[in-house]
All heavy atoms as atom14 arrays in JSON, in Angstrom:
{
  "sequence": "FANFAEIEVFDWTGDEFKEQLEYTDILINTTPLG",
  "atom14_mask": [
    [1, 1, 1, 1, 1, 1, 1, 1, 1, 1, 1, 0, 0, 0],
    [1, 1, 1, 1, 1, 0, 0, 0, 0, 0, 0, 0, 0, 0],
    [1, 1, 1, 1, 1, 1, 1, 1, 0, 0, 0, 0, 0, 0],
    [1, 1, 1, 1, 1, 1, 1, 1, 1, 1, 1, 0, 0, 0],
    [1, 1, 1, 1, 1, 0, 0, 0, 0, 0, 0, 0, 0, 0],
    [1, 1, 1, 1, 1, 1, 1, 1, 1, 0, 0, 0, 0, 0],
    [1, 1, 1, 1, 1, 1, 1, 1, 0, 0, 0, 0, 0, 0],
    [1, 1, 1, 1, 1, 1, 1, 1, 1, 0, 0, 0, 0, 0],
    [1, 1, 1, 1, 1, 1, 1, 0, 0, 0, 0, 0, 0, 0],
    [1, 1, 1, 1, 1, 1, 1, 1, 1, 1, 1, 0, 0, 0],
    [1, 1, 1, 1, 1, 1, 1, 1, 0, 0, 0, 0, 0, 0],
    [1, 1, 1, 1, 1, 1, 1, 1, 1, 1, 1, 1, 1, 1],
    [1, 1, 1, 1, 1, 1, 1, 0, 0, 0, 0, 0, 0, 0],
    [1, 1, 1, 1, 0, 0, 0, 0, 0, 0, 0, 0, 0, 0],
    [1, 1, 1, 1, 1, 1, 1, 1, 0, 0, 0, 0, 0, 0],
    [1, 1, 1, 1, 1, 1, 1, 1, 1, 0, 0, 0, 0, 0],
    [1, 1, 1, 1, 1, 1, 1, 1, 1, 1, 1, 0, 0, 0],
    [1, 1, 1, 1, 1, 1, 1, 1, 1, 0, 0, 0, 0, 0],
    [1, 1, 1, 1, 1, 1, 1, 1, 1, 0, 0, 0, 0, 0],
    [1, 1, 1, 1, 1, 1, 1, 1, 1, 0, 0, 0, 0, 0],
    [1, 1, 1, 1, 1, 1, 1, 1, 0, 0, 0, 0, 0, 0],
    [1, 1, 1, 1, 1, 1, 1, 1, 1, 0, 0, 0, 0, 0],
    [1, 1, 1, 1, 1, 1, 1, 1, 1, 1, 1, 1, 0, 0],
    [1, 1, 1, 1, 1, 1, 1, 0, 0, 0, 0, 0, 0, 0],
    [1, 1, 1, 1, 1, 1, 1, 1, 0, 0, 0, 0, 0, 0],
    [1, 1, 1, 1, 1, 1, 1, 1, 0, 0, 0, 0, 0, 0],
    [1, 1, 1, 1, 1, 1, 1, 1, 0, 0, 0, 0, 0, 0],
    [1, 1, 1, 1, 1, 1, 1, 1, 0, 0, 0, 0, 0, 0],
    [1, 1, 1, 1, 1, 1, 1, 1, 0, 0, 0, 0, 0, 0],
    [1, 1, 1, 1, 1, 1, 1, 0, 0, 0, 0, 0, 0, 0],
    [1, 1, 1, 1, 1, 1, 1, 0, 0, 0, 0, 0, 0, 0],
    [1, 1, 1, 1, 1, 1, 1, 0, 0, 0, 0, 0, 0, 0],
    [1, 1, 1, 1, 1, 1, 1, 1, 0, 0, 0, 0, 0, 0],
    [1, 1, 1, 1, 0, 0, 0, 0, 0, 0, 0, 0, 0, 0]
  ],
  "atom14_positions": [
    [[19.35, -185.35, -57.63], [20.61, -184.72, -57.26], [21.63, -185.71, -56.77], [22.73, -185.32, -56.35], [20.4, -183.61, -56.28], [19.86, -182.34, -56.89], [18.45, -182.18, -57.0], [20.69, -181.36, -57.36], [17.94, -180.98, -57.59], [20.2, -180.23, -57.95], [18.82, -180.05, -58.1], [0.0, 0.0, 0.0], [0.0, 0.0, 0.0], [0.0, 0.0, 0.0]],
    [[21.34, -186.98, -56.73], [22.24, -188.0, -56.21], [23.63, -188.0, -56.8], [24.56, -188.26, -56.06], [21.57, -189.36, -56.33], [0.0, 0.0, 0.0], [0.0, 0.0, 0.0], [0.0, 0.0, 0.0], [0.0, 0.0, 0.0], [0.0, 0.0, 0.0], [0.0, 0.0, 0.0], [0.0, 0.0, 0.0], [0.0, 0.0, 0.0], [0.0, 0.0, 0.0]],
    [[23.74, -187.62, -58.03], [25.02, -187.61, -58.69], [25.84, -186.33, -58.39], [27.0, -186.24, -58.7], [24.93, -187.78, -60.23], [24.43, -189.13, -60.61], [24.65, -190.13, -59.93], [23.69, -189.18, -61.67], [0.0, 0.0, 0.0], [0.0, 0.0, 0.0], [0.0, 0.0, 0.0], [0.0, 0.0, 0.0], [0.0, 0.0, 0.0], [0.0, 0.0, 0.0]],
    [[25.22, -185.34, -57.8], [25.82, -184.06, -57.56], [26.15, -183.74, -56.1], [27.11, -183.08, -55.76], [24.98, -182.94, -58.12], [24.61, -183.14, -59.55], [23.33, -183.53, -59.88], [25.55, -182.98, -60.55], [22.96, -183.72, -61.21], [25.23, -183.15, -61.88], [23.93, -183.54, -62.17], [0.0, 0.0, 0.0], [0.0, 0.0, 0.0], [0.0, 0.0, 0.0]],
    [[25.31, -184.27, -55.24], [25.47, -183.95, -53.82], [24.75, -184.98, -52.92], [23.82, -185.64, -53.39], [24.89, -182.55, -53.53], [0.0, 0.0, 0.0], [0.0, 0.0, 0.0], [0.0, 0.0, 0.0], [0.0, 0.0, 0.0], [0.0, 0.0, 0.0], [0.0, 0.0, 0.0], [0.0, 0.0, 0.0], [0.0, 0.0, 0.0], [0.0, 0.0, 0.0]],
    [[25.21, -185.09, -51.72], [24.46, -185.93, -50.73], [23.43, -185.1, -50.09], [23.69, -184.02, -49.46], [25.43, -186.47, -49.67], [24.81, -187.37, -48.7], [25.77, -187.94, -47.7], [26.98, -188.06, -48.03], [25.31, -188.2, -46.61], [0.0, 0.0, 0.0], [0.0, 0.0, 0.0], [0.0, 0.0, 0.0], [0.0, 0.0, 0.0], [0.0, 0.0, 0.0]],
    [[22.18, -185.5, -50.2], [21.04, -184.75, -49.65], [20.34, -185.62, -48.64], [20.09, -186.82, -48.88], [20.09, -184.38, -50.77], [20.71, -183.43, -51.74], [18.8, -183.75, -50.2], [19.86, -183.07, -52.93], [0.0, 0.0, 0.0], [0.0, 0.0, 0.0], [0.0, 0.0, 0.0], [0.0, 0.0, 0.0], [0.0, 0.0, 0.0], [0.0, 0.0, 0.0]],
    [[20.12, -185.02, -47.53], [19.33, -185.7, -46.48], [17.97, -185.09, -46.38], [17.78, -183.86, -46.56], [20.05, -185.56, -45.08], [21.39, -186.25, -45.03], [22.02, -186.1, -43.66], [21.45, -186.64, -42.72], [23.09, -185.47, -43.58], [0.0, 0.0, 0.0], [0.0, 0.0, 0.0], [0.0, 0.0, 0.0], [0.0, 0.0, 0.0], [0.0, 0.0, 0.0]],
    [[16.95, -185.93, -46.19], [15.57, -185.51, -46.15], [15.0, -185.79, -44.77], [15.17, -186.89, -44.28], [14.73, -186.23, -47.23], [13.31, -185.84, -47.14], [15.32, -185.98, -48.59], [0.0, 0.0, 0.0], [0.0, 0.0, 0.0], [0.0, 0.0, 0.0], [0.0, 0.0, 0.0], [0.0, 0.0, 0.0], [0.0, 0.0, 0.0], [0.0, 0.0, 0.0]],
    [[14.41, -184.73, -44.21], [13.79, -184.87, -42.85], [12.41, -184.3, -42.86], [12.1, -183.34, -43.58], [14.61, -184.09, -41.81], [16.04, -184.44, -41.71], [17.02, -183.7, -42.35], [16.47, -185.58, -41.03], [18.39, -184.01, -42.29], [17.8, -185.91, -40.98], [18.76, -185.14, -41.58], [0.0, 0.0, 0.0], [0.0, 0.0, 0.0], [0.0, 0.0, 0.0]],
    [[11.53, -184.87, -42.07], [10.22, -184.3, -41.84], [10.38, -183.12, -40.91], [10.96, -183.27, -39.78], [9.37, -185.38, -41.2], [7.9, -184.85, -40.89], [7.75, -183.64, -40.67], [6.96, -185.69, -40.99], [0.0, 0.0, 0.0], [0.0, 0.0, 0.0], [0.0, 0.0, 0.0], [0.0, 0.0, 0.0], [0.0, 0.0, 0.0], [0.0, 0.0, 0.0]],
    [[9.94, -181.97, -41.3], [10.2, -180.76, -40.5], [9.5, -180.75, -39.16], [9.75, -179.85, -38.33], [9.93, -179.5, -41.29], [8.56, -179.24, -41.75], [7.4, -179.87, -41.42], [8.18, -178.22, -42.71], [6.31, -179.37, -42.06], [6.75, -178.35, -42.84], [8.85, -177.29, -43.42], [6.04, -177.51, -43.69], [8.1, -176.48, -44.26], [6.72, -176.62, -44.37]],
    [[8.65, -181.68, -38.92], [7.97, -181.78, -37.56], [8.65, -182.76, -36.68], [8.29, -182.9, -35.52], [6.48, -182.09, -37.71], [6.31, -183.35, -38.37], [5.74, -181.02, -38.51], [0.0, 0.0, 0.0], [0.0, 0.0, 0.0], [0.0, 0.0, 0.0], [0.0, 0.0, 0.0], [0.0, 0.0, 0.0], [0.0, 0.0, 0.0], [0.0, 0.0, 0.0]],
    [[9.62, -183.5, -37.25], [10.26, -184.57, -36.48], [11.42, -184.08, -35.67], [11.99, -183.02, -35.89], [0.0, 0.0, 0.0], [0.0, 0.0, 0.0], [0.0, 0.0, 0.0], [0.0, 0.0, 0.0], [0.0, 0.0, 0.0], [0.0, 0.0, 0.0], [0.0, 0.0, 0.0], [0.0, 0.0, 0.0], [0.0, 0.0, 0.0], [0.0, 0.0, 0.0]],
    [[11.8, -184.86, -34.67], [12.9, -184.5, -33.79], [14.22, -184.45, -34.52], [15.08, -183.57, -34.2], [13.04, -185.51, -32.61], [11.84, -185.38, -31.65], [11.26, -184.3, -31.58], [11.56, -186.39, -30.94], [0.0, 0.0, 0.0], [0.0, 0.0, 0.0], [0.0, 0.0, 0.0], [0.0, 0.0, 0.0], [0.0, 0.0, 0.0], [0.0, 0.0, 0.0]],
    [[14.45, -185.3, -35.5], [15.69, -185.34, -36.24], [15.93, -184.01, -37.01], [17.04, -183.49, -36.98], [15.74, -186.49, -37.22], [17.11, -186.79, -37.75], [17.13, -188.05, -38.6], [16.08, -188.5, -39.11], [18.23, -188.64, -38.72], [0.0, 0.0, 0.0], [0.0, 0.0, 0.0], [0.0, 0.0, 0.0], [0.0, 0.0, 0.0], [0.0, 0.0, 0.0]],
    [[14.84, -183.47, -37.56], [14.97, -182.19, -38.27], [15.32, -181.1, -37.27], [16.23, -180.28, -37.51], [13.63, -181.85, -38.98], [13.63, -180.48, -39.59], [14.24, -180.27, -40.82], [13.05, -179.4, -38.94], [14.25, -179.0, -41.44], [13.06, -178.17, -39.53], [13.63, -177.96, -40.74], [0.0, 0.0, 0.0], [0.0, 0.0, 0.0], [0.0, 0.0, 0.0]],
    [[14.61, -181.11, -36.14], [14.92, -180.08, -35.11], [16.34, -180.14, -34.65], [16.96, -179.1, -34.44], [13.91, -180.25, -33.96], [12.49, -179.96, -34.35], [11.5, -180.31, -33.3], [10.07, -180.17, -33.81], [9.06, -180.66, -32.85], [0.0, 0.0, 0.0], [0.0, 0.0, 0.0], [0.0, 0.0, 0.0], [0.0, 0.0, 0.0], [0.0, 0.0, 0.0]],
    [[16.91, -181.32, -34.5], [18.33, -181.44, -34.1], [19.21, -180.97, -35.21], [20.22, -180.34, -34.88], [18.61, -182.89, -33.81], [17.89, -183.4, -32.52], [17.98, -184.94, -32.38], [18.78, -185.57, -33.14], [17.3, -185.48, -31.52], [0.0, 0.0, 0.0], [0.0, 0.0, 0.0], [0.0, 0.0, 0.0], [0.0, 0.0, 0.0], [0.0, 0.0, 0.0]],
    [[18.94, -181.2, -36.43], [19.77, -180.8, -37.59], [19.8, -179.29, -37.73], [20.77, -178.73, -38.26], [19.28, -181.42, -38.88], [19.52, -182.89, -38.98], [21.07, -183.2, -38.9], [21.85, -182.58, -39.53], [21.4, -184.24, -38.15], [0.0, 0.0, 0.0], [0.0, 0.0, 0.0], [0.0, 0.0, 0.0], [0.0, 0.0, 0.0], [0.0, 0.0, 0.0]],
    [[18.76, -178.53, -37.26], [18.8, -177.08, -37.35], [20.06, -176.48, -36.73], [20.57, -175.48, -37.18], [17.53, -176.49, -36.72], [16.24, -176.64, -37.55], [15.1, -176.1, -36.71], [16.38, -175.84, -38.85], [0.0, 0.0, 0.0], [0.0, 0.0, 0.0], [0.0, 0.0, 0.0], [0.0, 0.0, 0.0], [0.0, 0.0, 0.0], [0.0, 0.0, 0.0]],
    [[20.55, -177.11, -35.69], [21.75, -176.6, -34.93], [22.99, -176.65, -35.81], [23.99, -175.98, -35.52], [21.96, -177.37, -33.66], [20.81, -177.3, -32.7], [21.05, -178.17, -31.5], [22.16, -178.58, -31.17], [20.03, -178.52, -30.83], [0.0, 0.0, 0.0], [0.0, 0.0, 0.0], [0.0, 0.0, 0.0], [0.0, 0.0, 0.0], [0.0, 0.0, 0.0]],
    [[22.94, -177.37, -36.96], [24.1, -177.53, -37.81], [23.87, -177.01, -39.22], [24.61, -177.24, -40.14], [24.52, -179.03, -37.94], [24.66, -179.64, -36.59], [23.65, -180.48, -36.07], [25.79, -179.42, -35.8], [23.75, -181.05, -34.83], [25.93, -180.02, -34.54], [24.93, -180.82, -34.06], [25.04, -181.4, -32.82], [0.0, 0.0, 0.0], [0.0, 0.0, 0.0]],
    [[22.81, -176.2, -39.35], [22.34, -175.73, -40.65], [23.02, -174.38, -40.97], [22.89, -173.45, -40.24], [20.83, -175.63, -40.64], [20.27, -176.93, -40.38], [20.3, -175.1, -41.95], [0.0, 0.0, 0.0], [0.0, 0.0, 0.0], [0.0, 0.0, 0.0], [0.0, 0.0, 0.0], [0.0, 0.0, 0.0], [0.0, 0.0, 0.0], [0.0, 0.0, 0.0]],
    [[23.61, -174.3, -42.14], [24.23, -173.06, -42.58], [23.27, -172.17, -43.37], [23.4, -170.97, -43.43], [25.45, -173.35, -43.47], [26.61, -174.02, -42.68], [26.8, -173.67, -41.51], [27.19, -174.87, -43.24], [0.0, 0.0, 0.0], [0.0, 0.0, 0.0], [0.0, 0.0, 0.0], [0.0, 0.0, 0.0], [0.0, 0.0, 0.0], [0.0, 0.0, 0.0]],
    [[22.35, -172.84, -44.09], [21.34, -172.13, -44.86], [20.03, -172.82, -44.76], [19.92, -174.04, -44.92], [21.82, -171.99, -46.36], [20.74, -171.19, -47.16], [22.09, -173.3, -46.99], [21.24, -170.75, -48.53], [0.0, 0.0, 0.0], [0.0, 0.0, 0.0], [0.0, 0.0, 0.0], [0.0, 0.0, 0.0], [0.0, 0.0, 0.0], [0.0, 0.0, 0.0]],
    [[19.01, -172.03, -44.52], [17.62, -172.59, -44.36], [16.78, -171.9, -45.44], [16.69, -170.68, -45.49], [17.04, -172.29, -42.98], [15.66, -172.8, -42.69], [15.55, -174.3, -42.78], [15.17, -172.26, -41.29], [0.0, 0.0, 0.0], [0.0, 0.0, 0.0], [0.0, 0.0, 0.0], [0.0, 0.0, 0.0], [0.0, 0.0, 0.0], [0.0, 0.0, 0.0]],
    [[16.18, -172.7, -46.31], [15.43, -172.19, -47.45], [13.98, -172.65, -47.36], [13.71, -173.84, -47.3], [16.04, -172.64, -48.75], [17.53, -172.28, -48.83], [15.27, -172.04, -49.96], [18.28, -172.91, -50.01], [0.0, 0.0, 0.0], [0.0, 0.0, 0.0], [0.0, 0.0, 0.0], [0.0, 0.0, 0.0], [0.0, 0.0, 0.0], [0.0, 0.0, 0.0]],
    [[13.06, -171.67, -47.43], [11.67, -171.97, -47.53], [11.28, -171.99, -49.02], [11.41, -170.97, -49.7], [10.75, -171.0, -46.79], [9.29, -171.26, -47.04], [8.9, -172.41, -47.11], [8.51, -170.21, -47.13], [0.0, 0.0, 0.0], [0.0, 0.0, 0.0], [0.0, 0.0, 0.0], [0.0, 0.0, 0.0], [0.0, 0.0, 0.0], [0.0, 0.0, 0.0]],
    [[10.87, -173.19, -49.53], [10.44, -173.24, -50.91], [8.94, -173.55, -51.0], [8.45, -173.94, -52.05], [11.22, -174.36, -51.67], [10.95, -175.6, -51.05], [12.7, -174.07, -51.65], [0.0, 0.0, 0.0], [0.0, 0.0, 0.0], [0.0, 0.0, 0.0], [0.0, 0.0, 0.0], [0.0, 0.0, 0.0], [0.0, 0.0, 0.0], [0.0, 0.0, 0.0]],
    [[8.22, -173.38, -49.9], [6.78, -173.61, -49.88], [6.08, -172.32, -50.07], [6.64, -171.21, -49.93], [6.31, -174.19, -48.51], [6.38, -173.15, -47.57], [7.22, -175.35, -48.08], [0.0, 0.0, 0.0], [0.0, 0.0, 0.0], [0.0, 0.0, 0.0], [0.0, 0.0, 0.0], [0.0, 0.0, 0.0], [0.0, 0.0, 0.0], [0.0, 0.0, 0.0]],
    [[4.74, -172.34, -50.37], [4.02, -171.06, -50.51], [3.53, -170.49, -49.17], [2.84, -169.46, -49.11], [2.83, -171.43, -51.39], [2.62, -172.91, -51.11], [4.02, -173.49, -50.84], [0.0, 0.0, 0.0], [0.0, 0.0, 0.0], [0.0, 0.0, 0.0], [0.0, 0.0, 0.0], [0.0, 0.0, 0.0], [0.0, 0.0, 0.0], [0.0, 0.0, 0.0]],
    [[3.97, -171.14, -48.06], [3.54, -170.66, -46.7], [4.08, -169.25, -46.47], [5.26, -169.02, -46.48], [4.02, -171.62, -45.64], [3.43, -173.03, -45.65], [4.11, -173.89, -44.6], [1.95, -173.01, -45.46], [0.0, 0.0, 0.0], [0.0, 0.0, 0.0], [0.0, 0.0, 0.0], [0.0, 0.0, 0.0], [0.0, 0.0, 0.0], [0.0, 0.0, 0.0]],
    [[3.11, -168.34, -46.31], [3.52, -166.91, -46.04], [3.32, -166.03, -47.22], [3.47, -164.84, -47.14], [0.0, 0.0, 0.0], [0.0, 0.0, 0.0], [0.0, 0.0, 0.0], [0.0, 0.0, 0.0], [0.0, 0.0, 0.0], [0.0, 0.0, 0.0], [0.0, 0.0, 0.0], [0.0, 0.0, 0.0], [0.0, 0.0, 0.0], [0.0, 0.0, 0.0]]
  ]
}
């Protein structure tokens, strides 16, 4: 998707991901968890 949008990748157990949640407009689960 590099030519279409800037995408940032975070480990969901890391502090950086947890901080980014505060600025998240949409959260999507694409895993089979649940």
